[in-house]
Each structure stands twice: as C-alpha cells, then as structure tokens.
C-alpha cells in the first residue's frame, strides 16, 4: 500500500518490535474510528534512508473480498496522506507515500486479500 517516512522518531533502535506493535494498534484504532473496514495491517522492513528518516512499509488488508477497488484505495491513501492519522510522539511527524496499485475491481466497496494480524519482521 505504501511507506511511512518518520522524520524524527524518539527512538533509534530498529529492532524494538514493541514500538512497531504500538504503531500497528494505533493504525487499527484510527481506521476503525474513521469507519474504514480494515481487517488488519502489516508493518514491514523498518529501515533508515539516506536522510536518516525511519521508513516502514505498510500493507493494509480490508474485509469483504480479494482485491481493492478504486474507491477503497483512494479512501485509504487520502486518510494517510492528508495526515489525519496522528501517531504518538514516539514516531513524531511523517510523510506517507503510497505505491501504485493496478489490480482494481469495479464498484464502491473496500475489499481485501489475506489478513495478517501481527507485525512481520524482515
């Protein structure tokens, strides 16, 4: 779905999986409060880029089917890129960059592939 670029997280260790689980919980709470039918999220490949930003890849799995439709992917992308989601101070400010998605189904419902319910280490 995309990647978070956190500009100034309050921690330096990339191996603290507890903090990523916290972010995962925060995202799920945000999606539920926004009435987005998200089944689960997966956070993957935490790393630092050349600007020393913390980069975390995000995958979102929705309820009700095998694939996203255009309405679903636009709704999720907008919810993250307009900075409505506010992570705790541990993560500080961020930019969200979505990835291209070409496997659309017609219609106006959110759909999912396979749910993952835990942080995945890489």
PDB file of N, CA and C in Angstrom:
ATOM      1  N   UNK A   1       0.821  -1.187   0.000  1.00  0.00           N
ATOM      2  CA  UNK A   1       0.000   0.000   0.000  1.00  0.00           C
ATOM      3  C   UNK A   1       0.864   1.250   0.000  1.00  0.00           C
ATOM      4  N   UNK A   2       2.011   1.218   0.744  1.00  0.00           N
ATOM      5  CA  UNK A   2       2.862   2.392   0.774  1.00  0.00           C
ATOM      6  C   UNK A   2       3.863   2.345   1.896  1.00  0.00           C
ATOM      7  N   UNK A   3       4.505   3.497   2.129  1.00  0.00           N
ATOM      8  CA  UNK A   3       5.539   3.587   3.163  1.00  0.00           C
ATOM      9  C   UNK A   3       5.384   4.851   3.972  1.00  0.00           C
ATOM     10  N   UNK A   4       5.623   4.709   5.272  1.00  0.00           N
ATOM     11  CA  UNK A   4       5.741   5.856   6.165  1.00  0.00           C
ATOM     12  C   UNK A   4       7.191   6.297   6.199  1.00  0.00           C
ATOM     13  N   UNK A   5       7.423   7.601   6.201  1.00  0.00           N
ATOM     14  CA  UNK A   5       8.739   8.190   6.398  1.00  0.00           C
ATOM     15  C   UNK A   5       8.626   9.064   7.641  1.00  0.00           C
ATOM     16  N   UNK A   6       9.119   8.561   8.771  1.00  0.00           N
ATOM     17  CA  UNK A   6       9.065   9.300  10.028  1.00  0.00           C
ATOM     18  C   UNK A   6      10.329  10.138  10.154  1.00  0.00           C
ATOM     19  N   UNK A   7      10.148  11.445  10.315  1.00  0.00           N
ATOM     20  CA  UNK A   7      11.274  12.379  10.252  1.00  0.00           C
ATOM     21  C   UNK A   7      12.124  12.417  11.511  1.00  0.00           C
ATOM     22  N   UNK A   8      11.525  12.263  12.682  1.00  0.00           N
ATOM     23  CA  UNK A   8      12.314  12.396  13.912  1.00  0.00           C
ATOM     24  C   UNK A   8      11.751  11.516  15.020  1.00  0.00           C
ATOM     25  N   UNK A   9      11.787  10.185  14.842  1.00  0.00           N
ATOM     26  CA  UNK A   9      11.281   9.335  15.918  1.00  0.00           C
ATOM     27  C   UNK A   9      12.146   9.485  17.171  1.00  0.00           C
ATOM     28  N   UNK A  10      11.553   9.237  18.326  1.00  0.00           N
ATOM     29  CA  UNK A  10      12.270   9.420  19.586  1.00  0.00           C
ATOM     30  C   UNK A  10      13.134   8.223  19.949  1.00  0.00           C
ATOM     31  N   UNK A  11      13.197   7.222  19.096  1.00  0.00           N
ATOM     32  CA  UNK A  11      13.991   6.024  19.367  1.00  0.00           C
ATOM     33  C   UNK A  11      14.935   5.786  18.194  1.00  0.00           C
ATOM     34  N   UNK A  12      16.012   5.057  18.456  1.00  0.00           N
ATOM     35  CA  UNK A  12      16.982   4.824  17.394  1.00  0.00           C
ATOM     36  C   UNK A  12      17.091   3.355  16.989  1.00  0.00           C
ATOM     37  N   UNK A  13      16.664   2.456  17.850  1.00  0.00           N
ATOM     38  CA  UNK A  13      16.787   1.032  17.564  1.00  0.00           C
ATOM     39  C   UNK A  13      15.725   0.581  16.572  1.00  0.00           C
ATOM     40  N   UNK A  14      16.156  -0.050  15.497  1.00  0.00           N
ATOM     41  CA  UNK A  14      15.220  -0.599  14.526  1.00  0.00           C
ATOM     42  C   UNK A  14      14.668  -1.948  14.985  1.00  0.00           C
ATOM     43  N   UNK A  15      15.261  -2.531  16.014  1.00  0.00           N
ATOM     44  CA  UNK A  15      14.867  -3.857  16.477  1.00  0.00           C
ATOM     45  C   UNK A  15      13.866  -3.869  17.605  1.00  0.00           C
ATOM     46  N   UNK A  16      13.323  -2.726  18.000  1.00  0.00           N
ATOM     47  CA  UNK A  16      12.344  -2.666  19.080  1.00  0.00           C
ATOM     48  C   UNK A  16      10.948  -2.950  18.523  1.00  0.00           C
ATOM     49  N   UNK A  17      10.589  -4.213  18.441  1.00  0.00           N
ATOM     50  CA  UNK A  17       9.335  -4.596  17.800  1.00  0.00           C
ATOM     51  C   UNK A  17       8.111  -4.194  18.608  1.00  0.00           C
ATOM     52  N   UNK A  18       8.282  -3.933  19.894  1.00  0.00           N
ATOM     53  CA  UNK A  18       7.162  -3.465  20.720  1.00  0.00           C
ATOM     54  C   UNK A  18       6.643  -2.128  20.218  1.00  0.00           C
ATOM     55  N   UNK A  19       7.530  -1.250  19.811  1.00  0.00           N
ATOM     56  CA  UNK A  19       7.106   0.063  19.339  1.00  0.00           C
ATOM     57  C   UNK A  19       6.372  -0.043  18.004  1.00  0.00           C
ATOM     58  N   UNK A  20       6.747  -0.997  17.164  1.00  0.00           N
ATOM     59  CA  UNK A  20       6.040  -1.201  15.904  1.00  0.00           C
ATOM     60  C   UNK A  20       4.650  -1.795  16.148  1.00  0.00           C
ATOM     61  N   UNK A  21       4.546  -2.678  17.140  1.00  0.00           N
ATOM     62  CA  UNK A  21       3.231  -3.224  17.507  1.00  0.00           C
ATOM     63  C   UNK A  21       2.320  -2.103  17.997  1.00  0.00           C
ATOM     64  N   UNK A  22       2.879  -1.151  18.717  1.00  0.00           N
ATOM     65  CA  UNK A  22       2.109   0.008  19.166  1.00  0.00           C
ATOM     66  C   UNK A  22       1.600   0.815  17.977  1.00  0.00           C
ATOM     67  N   UNK A  23       2.448   1.040  16.983  1.00  0.00           N
ATOM     68  CA  UNK A  23       2.041   1.768  15.784  1.00  0.00           C
ATOM     69  C   UNK A  23       0.949   1.000  15.041  1.00  0.00           C
ATOM     70  N   UNK A  24       1.084  -0.298  14.972  1.00  0.00           N
ATOM     71  CA  UNK A  24       0.079  -1.131  14.321  1.00  0.00           C
ATOM     72  C   UNK A  24      -1.266  -0.973  15.027  1.00  0.00           C
ATOM     73  N   UNK A  25      -1.275  -0.992  16.358  1.00  0.00           N
ATOM     74  CA  UNK A  25      -2.509  -0.806  17.126  1.00  0.00           C
ATOM     75  C   UNK A  25      -3.096   0.581  16.893  1.00  0.00           C
ATOM     76  N   UNK A  26      -2.238   1.593  16.844  1.00  0.00           N
ATOM     77  CA  UNK A  26      -2.706   2.956  16.594  1.00  0.00           C
ATOM     78  C   UNK A  26      -3.371   3.069  15.222  1.00  0.00           C
ATOM     79  N   UNK A  27      -2.786   2.437  14.220  1.00  0.00           N
ATOM     80  CA  UNK A  27      -3.360   2.456  12.877  1.00  0.00           C
ATOM     81  C   UNK A  27      -4.729   1.779  12.850  1.00  0.00           C
ATOM     82  N   UNK A  28      -4.842   0.627  13.507  1.00  0.00           N
ATOM     83  CA  UNK A  28      -6.125  -0.078  13.528  1.00  0.00           C
ATOM     84  C   UNK A  28      -7.187   0.751  14.244  1.00  0.00           C
ATOM     85  N   UNK A  29      -6.827   1.391  15.341  1.00  0.00           N
ATOM     86  CA  UNK A  29      -7.771   2.261  16.047  1.00  0.00           C
ATOM     87  C   UNK A  29      -8.203   3.412  15.150  1.00  0.00           C
ATOM     88  N   UNK A  30      -7.264   4.020  14.440  1.00  0.00           N
ATOM     89  CA  UNK A  30      -7.567   5.108  13.520  1.00  0.00           C
ATOM     90  C   UNK A  30      -8.532   4.656  12.424  1.00  0.00           C
ATOM     91  N   UNK A  31      -8.251   3.513  11.794  1.00  0.00           N
ATOM     92  CA  UNK A  31      -9.105   3.022  10.715  1.00  0.00           C
ATOM     93  C   UNK A  31     -10.514   2.714  11.220  1.00  0.00           C
ATOM     94  N   UNK A  32     -10.614   2.136  12.417  1.00  0.00           N
ATOM     95  CA  UNK A  32     -11.951   1.842  12.975  1.00  0.00           C
ATOM     96  C   UNK A  32     -12.720   3.128  13.258  1.00  0.00           C
ATOM     97  N   UNK A  33     -12.064   4.109  13.868  1.00  0.00           N
ATOM     98  CA  UNK A  33     -12.731   5.383  14.164  1.00  0.00           C
ATOM     99  C   UNK A  33     -13.133   6.116  12.896  1.00  0.00           C
ATOM    100  N   UNK A  34     -12.390   5.928  11.827  1.00  0.00           N
ATOM    101  CA  UNK A  34     -12.699   6.565  10.542  1.00  0.00           C
ATOM    102  C   UNK A  34     -13.723   5.749   9.744  1.00  0.00           C
ATOM    103  N   UNK A  35     -14.221   4.671  10.353  1.00  0.00           N
ATOM    104  CA  UNK A  35     -15.202   3.792   9.704  1.00  0.00           C
ATOM    105  C   UNK A  35     -14.700   3.197   8.399  1.00  0.00           C
ATOM    106  N   UNK A  36     -13.404   2.925   8.341  1.00  0.00           N
ATOM    107  CA  UNK A  36     -12.829   2.227   7.193  1.00  0.00           C
ATOM    108  C   UNK A  36     -12.785   0.742   7.543  1.00  0.00           C
ATOM    109  N   UNK A  37     -13.337  -0.132   6.718  1.00  0.00           N
ATOM    110  CA  UNK A  37     -13.435  -1.556   7.058  1.00  0.00           C
ATOM    111  C   UNK A  37     -12.114  -2.304   6.873  1.00  0.00           C
ATOM    112  N   UNK A  38     -11.134  -1.909   7.639  1.00  0.00           N
ATOM    113  CA  UNK A  38      -9.821  -2.543   7.576  1.00  0.00           C
ATOM    114  C   UNK A  38      -9.811  -3.749   8.497  1.00  0.00           C
ATOM    115  N   UNK A  39      -9.423  -4.895   7.956  1.00  0.00           N
ATOM    116  CA  UNK A  39      -9.348  -6.123   8.737  1.00  0.00           C
ATOM    117  C   UNK A  39      -8.053  -6.188   9.536  1.00  0.00           C
ATOM    118  N   UNK A  40      -6.951  -5.792   8.915  1.00  0.00           N
ATOM    119  CA  UNK A  40      -5.661  -5.837   9.595  1.00  0.00           C
ATOM    120  C   UNK A  40      -4.629  -5.024   8.823  1.00  0.00           C
ATOM    121  N   UNK A  41      -3.512  -4.759   9.485  1.00  0.00           N
ATOM    122  CA  UNK A  41      -2.390  -4.076   8.845  1.00  0.00           C
ATOM    123  C   UNK A  41      -1.115  -4.853   9.152  1.00  0.00           C
ATOM    124  N   UNK A  42      -0.154  -4.737   8.274  1.00  0.00           N
ATOM    125  CA  UNK A  42       1.164  -5.334   8.479  1.00  0.00           C
ATOM    126  C   UNK A  42       2.209  -4.242   8.268  1.00  0.00           C
ATOM    127  N   UNK A  43       3.132  -4.144   9.201  1.00  0.00           N
ATOM    128  CA  UNK A  43       4.264  -3.222   9.088  1.00  0.00           C
ATOM    129  C   UNK A  43       5.496  -4.052   8.767  1.00  0.00           C
ATOM    130  N   UNK A  44       6.257  -3.625   7.764  1.00  0.00           N
ATOM    131  CA  UNK A  44       7.386  -4.436   7.300  1.00  0.00           C
ATOM    132  C   UNK A  44       8.630  -3.592   7.036  1.00  0.00           C
ATOM    133  N   UNK A  45       9.758  -4.234   7.130  1.00  0.00           N
ATOM    134  CA  UNK A  45      11.056  -3.704   6.703  1.00  0.00           C
ATOM    135  C   UNK A  45      11.420  -2.341   7.290  1.00  0.00           C
ATOM    136  N   UNK A  46      11.420  -2.191   8.607  1.00  0.00           N
ATOM    137  CA  UNK A  46      11.872  -0.905   9.157  1.00  0.00           C
ATOM    138  C   UNK A  46      13.336  -0.669   8.791  1.00  0.00           C
ATOM    139  N   UNK A  47      13.623   0.545   8.323  1.00  0.00           N
ATOM    140  CA  UNK A  47      14.995   0.879   7.924  1.00  0.00           C
ATOM    141  C   UNK A  47      15.184   2.385   8.018  1.00  0.00           C
ATOM    142  N   UNK A  48      16.400   2.833   7.813  1.00  0.00           N
ATOM    143  CA  UNK A  48      16.717   4.260   7.736  1.00  0.00           C
ATOM    144  C   UNK A  48      17.115   4.574   6.302  1.00  0.00           C
ATOM    145  N   UNK A  49      16.623   5.698   5.775  1.00  0.00           N
ATOM    146  CA  UNK A  49      17.031   6.091   4.430  1.00  0.00           C
ATOM    147  C   UNK A  49      18.231   7.038   4.509  1.00  0.00           C
ATOM    148  N   UNK A  50      18.653   7.578   3.380  1.00  0.00           N
ATOM    149  CA  UNK A  50      19.828   8.441   3.344  1.00  0.00           C
ATOM    150  C   UNK A  50      19.648   9.737   4.144  1.00  0.00           C
ATOM    151  N   UNK A  51      18.405  10.172   4.316  1.00  0.00           N
ATOM    152  CA  UNK A  51      18.123  11.367   5.122  1.00  0.00           C
ATOM    153  C   UNK A  51      17.972  11.038   6.602  1.00  0.00           C
ATOM    154  N   UNK A  52      18.197   9.784   6.981  1.00  0.00           N
ATOM    155  CA  UNK A  52      18.075   9.273   8.340  1.00  0.00           C
ATOM    156  C   UNK A  52      16.628   9.241   8.824  1.00  0.00           C
ATOM    157  N   UNK A  53      15.662   9.216   7.892  1.00  0.00           N
ATOM    158  CA  UNK A  53      14.263   9.036   8.257  1.00  0.00           C
ATOM    159  C   UNK A  53      14.013   7.549   8.507  1.00  0.00           C
ATOM    160  N   UNK A  54      13.139   7.266   9.449  1.00  0.00           N
ATOM    161  CA  UNK A  54      12.701   5.893   9.672  1.00  0.00           C
ATOM    162  C   UNK A  54      11.655   5.562   8.610  1.00  0.00           C
ATOM    163  N   UNK A  55      11.899   4.522   7.830  1.00  0.00           N
ATOM    164  CA  UNK A  55      10.992   4.114   6.759  1.00  0.00           C
ATOM    165  C   UNK A  55      10.373   2.774   7.162  1.00  0.00           C
ATOM    166  N   UNK A  56       9.022   2.724   7.141  1.00  0.00           N
ATOM    167  CA  UNK A  56       8.301   1.491   7.450  1.00  0.00           C
ATOM    168  C   UNK A  56       7.269   1.262   6.352  1.00  0.00           C
ATOM    169  N   UNK A  57       7.313   0.084   5.748  1.00  0.00           N
ATOM    170  CA  UNK A  57       6.335  -0.265   4.725  1.00  0.00           C
ATOM    171  C   UNK A  57       5.034  -0.700   5.382  1.00  0.00           C
ATOM    172  N   UNK A  58       3.923  -0.280   4.793  1.00  0.00           N
ATOM    173  CA  UNK A  58       2.597  -0.595   5.311  1.00  0.00           C
ATOM    174  C   UNK A  58       1.815  -1.402   4.294  1.00  0.00           C
ATOM    175  N   UNK A  59       1.216  -2.488   4.756  1.00  0.00           N
ATOM    176  CA  UNK A  59       0.251  -3.243   3.959  1.00  0.00           C
ATOM    177  C   UNK A  59      -1.064  -3.218   4.710  1.00  0.00           C
ATOM    178  N   UNK A  60      -2.152  -2.992   3.989  1.00  0.00           N
ATOM    179  CA  UNK A  60      -3.485  -2.920   4.580  1.00  0.00           C
ATOM    180  C   UNK A  60      -4.341  -4.014   3.961  1.00  0.00           C
ATOM    181  N   UNK A  61      -5.053  -4.752   4.811  1.00  0.00           N
ATOM    182  CA  UNK A  61      -5.933  -5.818   4.361  1.00  0.00           C
ATOM    183  C   UNK A  61      -7.350  -5.471   4.786  1.00  0.00           C
ATOM    184  N   UNK A  62      -8.233  -5.418   3.804  1.00  0.00           N
ATOM    185  CA  UNK A  62      -9.609  -4.994   4.031  1.00  0.00           C
ATOM    186  C   UNK A  62     -10.547  -6.185   4.047  1.00  0.00           C
ATOM    187  N   UNK A  63     -11.700  -6.002   4.652  1.00  0.00           N
ATOM    188  CA  UNK A  63     -12.691  -7.070   4.682  1.00  0.00           C
ATOM    189  C   UNK A  63     -13.526  -7.061   3.399  1.00  0.00           C
ATOM    190  N   UNK A  64     -14.081  -8.188   3.046  1.00  0.00           N
ATOM    191  CA  UNK A  64     -15.108  -8.344   2.014  1.00  0.00           C
ATOM    192  C   UNK A  64     -14.651  -8.778   0.628  1.00  0.00           C
ATOM    193  N   UNK A  65     -13.466  -9.228   0.375  1.00  0.00           N
ATOM    194  CA  UNK A  65     -13.166  -9.698  -0.972  1.00  0.00           C
ATOM    195  C   UNK A  65     -11.699  -9.851  -1.292  1.00  0.00           C
ATOM    196  N   UNK A  66     -11.361 -10.152  -2.569  1.00  0.00           N
ATOM    197  CA  UNK A  66      -9.997 -10.477  -2.953  1.00  0.00           C
ATOM    198  C   UNK A  66      -9.118  -9.302  -3.366  1.00  0.00           C
ATOM    199  N   UNK A  67      -9.680  -8.116  -3.583  1.00  0.00           N
ATOM    200  CA  UNK A  67      -8.872  -7.041  -4.147  1.00  0.00           C
ATOM    201  C   UNK A  67      -9.487  -5.686  -3.828  1.00  0.00           C
ATOM    202  N   UNK A  68      -8.668  -4.639  -3.826  1.00  0.00           N
ATOM    203  CA  UNK A  68      -9.152  -3.275  -3.650  1.00  0.00           C
ATOM    204  C   UNK A  68      -9.916  -2.818  -4.885  1.00  0.00           C
ATOM    205  N   UNK A  69     -10.841  -1.899  -4.695  1.00  0.00           N
ATOM    206  CA  UNK A  69     -11.382  -1.170  -5.829  1.00  0.00           C
ATOM    207  C   UNK A  69     -10.844   0.252  -5.759  1.00  0.00           C
ATOM    208  N   UNK A  70     -11.136   1.076  -6.736  1.00  0.00           N
ATOM    209  CA  UNK A  70     -10.583   2.434  -6.775  1.00  0.00           C
ATOM    210  C   UNK A  70     -11.027   3.281  -5.588  1.00  0.00           C
ATOM    211  N   UNK A  71     -12.285   3.160  -5.213  1.00  0.00           N
ATOM    212  CA  UNK A  71     -12.790   3.940  -4.084  1.00  0.00           C
ATOM    213  C   UNK A  71     -12.049   3.571  -2.805  1.00  0.00           C
ATOM    214  N   UNK A  72     -11.832   2.299  -2.600  1.00  0.00           N
ATOM    215  CA  UNK A  72     -11.152   1.832  -1.395  1.00  0.00           C
ATOM    216  C   UNK A  72      -9.726   2.314  -1.298  1.00  0.00           C
ATOM    217  N   UNK A  73      -8.985   2.173  -2.373  1.00  0.00           N
ATOM    218  CA  UNK A  73      -7.573   2.556  -2.343  1.00  0.00           C
ATOM    219  C   UNK A  73      -7.416   4.068  -2.222  1.00  0.00           C
ATOM    220  N   UNK A  74      -8.295   4.830  -2.879  1.00  0.00           N
ATOM    221  CA  UNK A  74      -8.240   6.290  -2.772  1.00  0.00           C
ATOM    222  C   UNK A  74      -8.600   6.731  -1.360  1.00  0.00           C
ATOM    223  N   UNK A  75      -9.617   6.124  -0.767  1.00  0.00           N
ATOM    224  CA  UNK A  75     -10.022   6.481   0.589  1.00  0.00           C
ATOM    225  C   UNK A  75      -8.927   6.239   1.608  1.00  0.00           C
ATOM    226  N   UNK A  76      -8.267   5.096   1.523  1.00  0.00           N
ATOM    227  CA  UNK A  76      -7.179   4.797   2.451  1.00  0.00           C
ATOM    228  C   UNK A  76      -5.976   5.704   2.218  1.00  0.00           C
ATOM    229  N   UNK A  77      -5.627   5.892   0.968  1.00  0.00           N
ATOM    230  CA  UNK A  77      -4.490   6.766   0.658  1.00  0.00           C
ATOM    231  C   UNK A  77      -4.723   8.179   1.153  1.00  0.00           C
ATOM    232  N   UNK A  78      -5.936   8.685   0.962  1.00  0.00           N
ATOM    233  CA  UNK A  78      -6.255  10.032   1.423  1.00  0.00           C
ATOM    234  C   UNK A  78      -6.188  10.121   2.940  1.00  0.00           C
ATOM    235  N   UNK A  79      -6.723   9.119   3.631  1.00  0.00           N
ATOM    236  CA  UNK A  79      -6.726   9.134   5.096  1.00  0.00           C
ATOM    237  C   UNK A  79      -5.315   9.191   5.659  1.00  0.00           C
ATOM    238  N   UNK A  80      -4.352   8.591   4.971  1.00  0.00           N
ATOM    239  CA  UNK A  80      -2.974   8.595   5.472  1.00  0.00           C
ATOM    240  C   UNK A  80      -2.168   9.788   4.964  1.00  0.00           C
ATOM    241  N   UNK A  81      -2.364  10.164   3.718  1.00  0.00           N
ATOM    242  CA  UNK A  81      -1.525  11.224   3.161  1.00  0.00           C
ATOM    243  C   UNK A  81      -1.940  12.619   3.605  1.00  0.00           C
ATOM    244  N   UNK A  82      -3.188  12.810   4.037  1.00  0.00           N
ATOM    245  CA  UNK A  82      -3.580  14.149   4.491  1.00  0.00           C
ATOM    246  C   UNK A  82      -3.265  14.368   5.964  1.00  0.00           C
ATOM    247  N   UNK A  83      -2.592  13.410   6.583  1.00  0.00           N
ATOM    248  CA  UNK A  83      -2.099  13.487   7.956  1.00  0.00           C
ATOM    249  C   UNK A  83      -3.216  13.535   8.997  1.00  0.00           C
ATOM    250  N   UNK A  84      -4.362  12.956   8.697  1.00  0.00           N
ATOM    251  CA  UNK A  84      -5.411  12.802   9.696  1.00  0.00           C
ATOM    252  C   UNK A  84      -4.949  11.837  10.777  1.00  0.00           C
ATOM    253  N   UNK A  85      -4.213  10.820  10.388  1.00  0.00           N
ATOM    254  CA  UNK A  85      -3.644   9.880  11.354  1.00  0.00           C
ATOM    255  C   UNK A  85      -2.523  10.571  12.114  1.00  0.00           C
ATOM    256  N   UNK A  86      -2.600  10.557  13.432  1.00  0.00           N
ATOM    257  CA  UNK A  86      -1.587  11.171  14.296  1.00  0.00           C
ATOM    258  C   UNK A  86      -0.978  10.106  15.198  1.00  0.00           C
ATOM    259  N   UNK A  87       0.215   9.625  14.878  1.00  0.00           N
ATOM    260  CA  UNK A  87       0.859   8.645  15.755  1.00  0.00           C
ATOM    261  C   UNK A  87       1.330   9.309  17.047  1.00  0.00           C
ATOM    262  N   UNK A  88       1.685   8.495  18.024  1.00  0.00           N
ATOM    263  CA  UNK A  88       2.185   9.039  19.283  1.00  0.00           C
ATOM    264  C   UNK A  88       3.495   9.785  19.056  1.00  0.00           C
ATOM    265  N   UNK A  89       3.909  10.521  20.062  1.00  0.00           N
ATOM    266  CA  UNK A  89       5.129  11.325  19.968  1.00  0.00           C
ATOM    267  C   UNK A  89       6.373  10.477  19.729  1.00  0.00           C
ATOM    268  N   UNK A  90       6.297   9.184  20.029  1.00  0.00           N
ATOM    269  CA  UNK A  90       7.445   8.302  19.751  1.00  0.00           C
ATOM    270  C   UNK A  90       7.835   8.349  18.279  1.00  0.00           C
ATOM    271  N   UNK A  91       6.853   8.513  17.413  1.00  0.00           N
ATOM    272  CA  UNK A  91       7.107   8.499  15.975  1.00  0.00           C
ATOM    273  C   UNK A  91       7.243   9.889  15.382  1.00  0.00           C
ATOM    274  N   UNK A  92       6.627  10.868  15.985  1.00  0.00           N
ATOM    275  CA  UNK A  92       6.715  12.255  15.553  1.00  0.00           C
ATOM    276  C   UNK A  92       6.069  12.435  14.171  1.00  0.00           C
ATOM    277  N   UNK A  93       6.522  13.407  13.403  1.00  0.00           N
ATOM    278  CA  UNK A  93       5.888  13.730  12.123  1.00  0.00           C
ATOM    279  C   UNK A  93       6.285  12.714  11.046  1.00  0.00           C
ATOM    280  N   UNK A  94       5.428  12.617  10.029  1.00  0.00           N
ATOM    281  CA  UNK A  94       5.672  11.646   8.963  1.00  0.00           C
ATOM    282  C   UNK A  94       5.162  12.167   7.634  1.00  0.00           C
ATOM    283  N   UNK A  95       5.608  11.482   6.598  1.00  0.00           N
ATOM    284  CA  UNK A  95       5.064  11.608   5.256  1.00  0.00           C
ATOM    285  C   UNK A  95       4.672  10.195   4.852  1.00  0.00           C
ATOM    286  N   UNK A  96       3.512  10.052   4.201  1.00  0.00           N
ATOM    287  CA  UNK A  96       3.105   8.743   3.694  1.00  0.00           C
ATOM    288  C   UNK A  96       3.140   8.774   2.179  1.00  0.00           C
ATOM    289  N   UNK A  97       3.850   7.829   1.601  1.00  0.00           N
ATOM    290  CA  UNK A  97       3.956   7.705   0.145  1.00  0.00           C
ATOM    291  C   UNK A  97       3.302   6.386  -0.266  1.00  0.00           C
ATOM    292  N   UNK A  98       2.211   6.474  -1.020  1.00  0.00           N
ATOM    293  CA  UNK A  98       1.537   5.259  -1.458  1.00  0.00           C
ATOM    294  C   UNK A  98       2.246   4.666  -2.673  1.00  0.00           C
ATOM    295  N   UNK A  99       2.043   3.383  -2.860  1.00  0.00           N
ATOM    296  CA  UNK A  99       2.592   2.712  -4.041  1.00  0.00           C
ATOM    297  C   UNK A  99       1.488   2.572  -5.088  1.00  0.00           C
ATOM    298  N   UNK A 100       1.875   2.359  -6.329  1.00  0.00           N
ATOM    299  CA  UNK A 100       0.893   2.153  -7.398  1.00  0.00           C
ATOM    300  C   UNK A 100       0.141   0.855  -7.169  1.00  0.00           C
ATOM    301  N   UNK A 101      -1.133   0.873  -7.483  1.00  0.00           N
ATOM    302  CA  UNK A 101      -1.979  -0.314  -7.355  1.00  0.00           C
ATOM    303  C   UNK A 101      -2.817  -0.428  -8.618  1.00  0.00           C
ATOM    304  N   UNK A 102      -2.658  -1.515  -9.343  1.00  0.00           N
ATOM    305  CA  UNK A 102      -3.326  -1.669 -10.632  1.00  0.00           C
ATOM    306  C   UNK A 102      -4.341  -2.807 -10.673  1.00  0.00           C
ATOM    307  N   UNK A 103      -4.530  -3.523  -9.571  1.00  0.00           N
ATOM    308  CA  UNK A 103      -5.403  -4.697  -9.558  1.00  0.00           C
ATOM    309  C   UNK A 103      -6.794  -4.327  -9.023  1.00  0.00           C
ATOM    310  N   UNK A 104      -7.488  -3.407  -9.701  1.00  0.00           N
ATOM    311  CA  UNK A 104      -8.765  -2.898  -9.219  1.00  0.00           C
ATOM    312  C   UNK A 104      -9.939  -3.778  -9.615  1.00  0.00           C
ATOM    313  N   UNK A 105     -10.937  -3.801  -8.736  1.00  0.00           N
ATOM    314  CA  UNK A 105     -12.239  -4.362  -9.047  1.00  0.00           C
ATOM    315  C   UNK A 105     -13.217  -3.211  -9.198  1.00  0.00           C
ATOM    316  N   UNK A 106     -14.266  -3.344  -9.991  1.00  0.00           N
ATOM    317  CA  UNK A 106     -15.251  -2.272 -10.106  1.00  0.00           C
ATOM    318  C   UNK A 106     -16.103  -2.166  -8.848  1.00  0.00           C
ATOM    319  N   UNK A 107     -16.717  -1.008  -8.623  1.00  0.00           N
ATOM    320  CA  UNK A 107     -17.637  -0.836  -7.506  1.00  0.00           C
ATOM    321  C   UNK A 107     -17.126   0.115  -6.461  1.00  0.00           C
ATOM    322  N   UNK A 108     -17.886   0.228  -5.379  1.00  0.00           N
ATOM    323  CA  UNK A 108     -17.570   1.202  -4.341  1.00  0.00           C
ATOM    324  C   UNK A 108     -17.423   0.585  -2.958  1.00  0.00           C
ATOM    325  N   UNK A 109     -16.983  -0.664  -2.874  1.00  0.00           N
ATOM    326  CA  UNK A 109     -16.775  -1.262  -1.568  1.00  0.00           C
ATOM    327  C   UNK A 109     -15.300  -1.565  -1.376  1.00  0.00           C
ATOM    328  N   UNK A 110     -14.867  -1.621  -0.119  1.00  0.00           N
ATOM    329  CA  UNK A 110     -13.496  -1.965   0.207  1.00  0.00           C
ATOM    330  C   UNK A 110     -13.367  -3.480   0.206  1.00  0.00           C
ATOM    331  N   UNK A 111     -12.273  -3.977  -0.346  1.00  0.00           N
ATOM    332  CA  UNK A 111     -12.062  -5.409  -0.420  1.00  0.00           C
ATOM    333  C   UNK A 111     -10.670  -5.781   0.057  1.00  0.00           C
ATOM    334  N   UNK A 112     -10.445  -7.048   0.445  1.00  0.00           N
ATOM    335  CA  UNK A 112      -9.157  -7.461   0.968  1.00  0.00           C
ATOM    336  C   UNK A 112      -8.643  -8.716   0.295  1.00  0.00           C
ATOM    337  N   UNK A 113      -7.389  -9.030   0.566  1.00  0.00           N
ATOM    338  CA  UNK A 113      -6.779 -10.241   0.039  1.00  0.00           C
ATOM    339  C   UNK A 113      -6.667 -11.279   1.162  1.00  0.00           C
ATOM    340  N   UNK A 114      -5.646 -11.209   1.980  1.00  0.00           N
ATOM    341  CA  UNK A 114      -5.444 -12.150   3.068  1.00  0.00           C
ATOM    342  C   UNK A 114      -5.065 -11.378   4.322  1.00  0.00           C
ATOM    343  N   UNK A 115      -5.780 -11.572   5.436  1.00  0.00           N
ATOM    344  CA  UNK A 115      -5.464 -10.805   6.637  1.00  0.00           C
ATOM    345  C   UNK A 115      -4.182 -11.269   7.313  1.00  0.00           C
ATOM    346  N   UNK A 116      -3.442 -10.330   7.818  1.00  0.00           N
ATOM    347  CA  UNK A 116      -2.284 -10.584   8.667  1.00  0.00           C
ATOM    348  C   UNK A 116      -2.522  -9.807   9.954  1.00  0.00           C
ATOM    349  N   UNK A 117      -2.327 -10.433  11.080  1.00  0.00           N
ATOM    350  CA  UNK A 117      -2.667  -9.774  12.333  1.00  0.00           C
ATOM    351  C   UNK A 117      -1.471  -9.474  13.215  1.00  0.00           C
ATOM    352  N   UNK A 118      -0.271  -9.551  12.680  1.00  0.00           N
ATOM    353  CA  UNK A 118       0.869  -9.250  13.529  1.00  0.00           C
ATOM    354  C   UNK A 118       1.966  -8.575  12.718  1.00  0.00           C
ATOM    355  N   UNK A 119       2.831  -7.894  13.425  1.00  0.00           N
ATOM    356  CA  UNK A 119       3.982  -7.265  12.812  1.00  0.00           C
ATOM    357  C   UNK A 119       4.862  -8.337  12.199  1.00  0.00           C
ATOM    358  N   UNK A 120       5.331  -8.122  10.997  1.00  0.00           N
ATOM    359  CA  UNK A 120       6.188  -9.090  10.334  1.00  0.00           C
ATOM    360  C   UNK A 120       7.620  -8.576  10.288  1.00  0.00           C
ATOM    361  N   UNK A 121       8.525  -9.302  10.908  1.00  0.00           N
ATOM    362  CA  UNK A 121       9.945  -8.942  10.873  1.00  0.00           C
ATOM    363  C   UNK A 121      10.519  -9.325   9.520  1.00  0.00           C
ATOM    364  N   UNK A 122      11.515  -8.599   9.089  1.00  0.00           N
ATOM    365  CA  UNK A 122      12.157  -8.986   7.836  1.00  0.00           C
ATOM    366  C   UNK A 122      13.651  -9.046   8.028  1.00  0.00           C
TER     367      UNK A 122
END
